[in-house]
């Protein structure tokens, strides 16, 4: 995708899903991420993961028992959070994935 398409995607995801409490995941120099919890207006949260080297993998907390898909289309298939909201978010090497609820 072009840079314009990625910017448009980021703007759409920001408007639709980046609501509620933001949690930062900065424990690794090569892989960083953020999650948003959703809010009281029933707007759901999402997760973003970026890797500068190697596949990125982080365990994050999102809405419990919810399926998520990578809005960038780079990672196939849905993934599901457990009953506590724990979910393993992934992205490709030197890439970014944006996980939104199905």
Protein backbone atom coordinates (compact mmCIF):
# COMPACT_ATOMS: atom_id res chain seq x y z
CA UNK A 1 0.00 0.00 0.00
CA UNK A 2 1.04 3.59 -0.60
CA UNK A 3 1.87 5.98 2.24
CA UNK A 4 -1.41 7.80 1.54
CA UNK A 5 -3.37 4.56 1.99
CA UNK A 6 -1.59 3.84 5.29
CA UNK A 7 -2.22 7.39 6.55
CA UNK A 8 -5.91 7.08 5.58
CA UNK A 9 -6.11 3.75 7.44
CA UNK A 10 -4.46 5.23 10.55
CA UNK A 11 -6.85 8.19 10.53
CA UNK A 12 -9.87 5.89 10.19
CA UNK A 13 -8.67 3.60 12.99
CA UNK A 14 -7.96 6.62 15.20
CA UNK A 15 -11.49 7.94 14.70
CA UNK A 16 -13.24 4.59 15.16
CA UNK A 17 -11.20 2.61 17.72
CA UNK A 18 -8.61 4.60 19.69
CA UNK A 19 -10.85 5.41 22.66
CA UNK A 20 -10.52 4.88 26.39
CA UNK A 21 -7.39 4.27 28.40
CA UNK A 22 -4.15 4.05 26.42
CA UNK A 23 -1.51 1.57 27.58
CA UNK A 24 2.06 1.78 26.28
CA UNK A 25 4.20 -1.32 25.65
CA UNK A 26 7.81 -0.13 25.46
CA UNK A 27 9.69 -3.04 27.09
CA UNK A 28 11.75 -3.87 23.98
CA UNK A 29 14.03 -1.54 22.02
CA UNK A 30 12.95 -3.11 18.70
CA UNK A 31 9.22 -3.64 19.29
CA UNK A 32 6.74 -1.11 20.69
CA UNK A 33 2.99 -1.05 20.96
CA UNK A 34 -0.10 0.63 22.32
CA UNK A 35 -3.58 -0.53 23.23
CA UNK A 36 -6.80 1.36 23.89
CA UNK A 37 -9.43 -0.04 26.21
CA UNK A 38 -12.56 1.38 24.60
CA UNK A 39 -14.90 3.73 26.46
CA UNK A 40 -18.23 4.06 28.23
CA UNK A 41 -19.95 5.04 24.95
CA UNK A 42 -19.52 1.46 23.68
CA UNK A 43 -16.68 2.44 21.36
CA UNK A 44 -14.27 -0.47 21.24
CA UNK A 45 -10.52 -0.28 21.64
CA UNK A 46 -7.69 -1.59 19.47
CA UNK A 47 -3.97 -2.38 19.50
CA UNK A 48 -1.01 -1.20 17.42
CA UNK A 49 2.33 -3.02 17.27
CA UNK A 50 5.48 -1.89 15.44
CA UNK A 51 8.73 -3.78 14.96
CA UNK A 52 12.07 -2.37 13.84
CA UNK A 53 13.80 -5.77 13.68
CA UNK A 54 12.38 -9.30 13.66
CA UNK A 55 8.79 -10.34 14.13
CA UNK A 56 7.07 -8.35 16.85
CA UNK A 57 5.12 -10.16 19.56
CA UNK A 58 3.58 -8.60 22.69
CA UNK A 59 0.97 -9.77 25.14
CA UNK A 60 -1.53 -6.97 25.64
CA UNK A 61 -4.85 -6.49 27.41
CA UNK A 62 -7.95 -5.67 25.38
CA UNK A 63 -11.68 -6.38 25.69
CA UNK A 64 -12.26 -9.94 26.99
CA UNK A 65 -13.52 -12.70 24.69
CA UNK A 66 -13.26 -10.57 21.54
CA UNK A 67 -11.89 -11.40 18.09
CA UNK A 68 -9.50 -8.98 16.39
CA UNK A 69 -8.16 -8.73 12.84
CA UNK A 70 -5.14 -6.90 11.46
CA UNK A 71 -6.57 -3.86 9.65
CA UNK A 72 -3.39 -3.62 7.54
CA UNK A 73 -4.08 -7.11 6.14
CA UNK A 74 -0.49 -8.23 6.73
CA UNK A 75 -1.34 -10.89 9.34
CA UNK A 76 -4.06 -13.33 8.20
CA UNK A 77 -7.01 -14.51 10.24
CA UNK A 78 -8.57 -13.34 13.47
CA UNK A 79 -7.07 -13.72 16.93
CA UNK A 80 -9.11 -13.80 20.14
CA UNK A 81 -8.56 -12.38 23.60
CA UNK A 82 -9.16 -14.68 26.56
CA UNK A 83 -11.73 -14.21 29.33
CA UNK A 84 -9.44 -11.66 31.05
CA UNK A 85 -8.68 -9.75 27.83
CA UNK A 86 -5.13 -11.06 27.44
CA UNK A 87 -4.11 -11.43 23.80
CA UNK A 88 -0.86 -12.01 21.94
CA UNK A 89 -0.47 -9.29 19.29
CA UNK A 90 1.95 -9.86 16.40
CA UNK A 91 3.42 -7.94 13.47
CA UNK A 92 5.89 -8.73 10.73
CA UNK A 93 9.56 -7.71 10.86
CA UNK A 94 10.15 -4.01 10.20
CA UNK A 95 6.41 -3.45 9.97
CA UNK A 96 3.26 -2.40 11.79
CA UNK A 97 -0.04 -4.14 12.47
CA UNK A 98 -3.24 -2.53 13.71
CA UNK A 99 -5.60 -4.92 15.48
CA UNK A 100 -9.28 -3.93 15.52
CA UNK A 101 -12.34 -5.82 16.79
CA UNK A 102 -14.28 -7.91 14.27
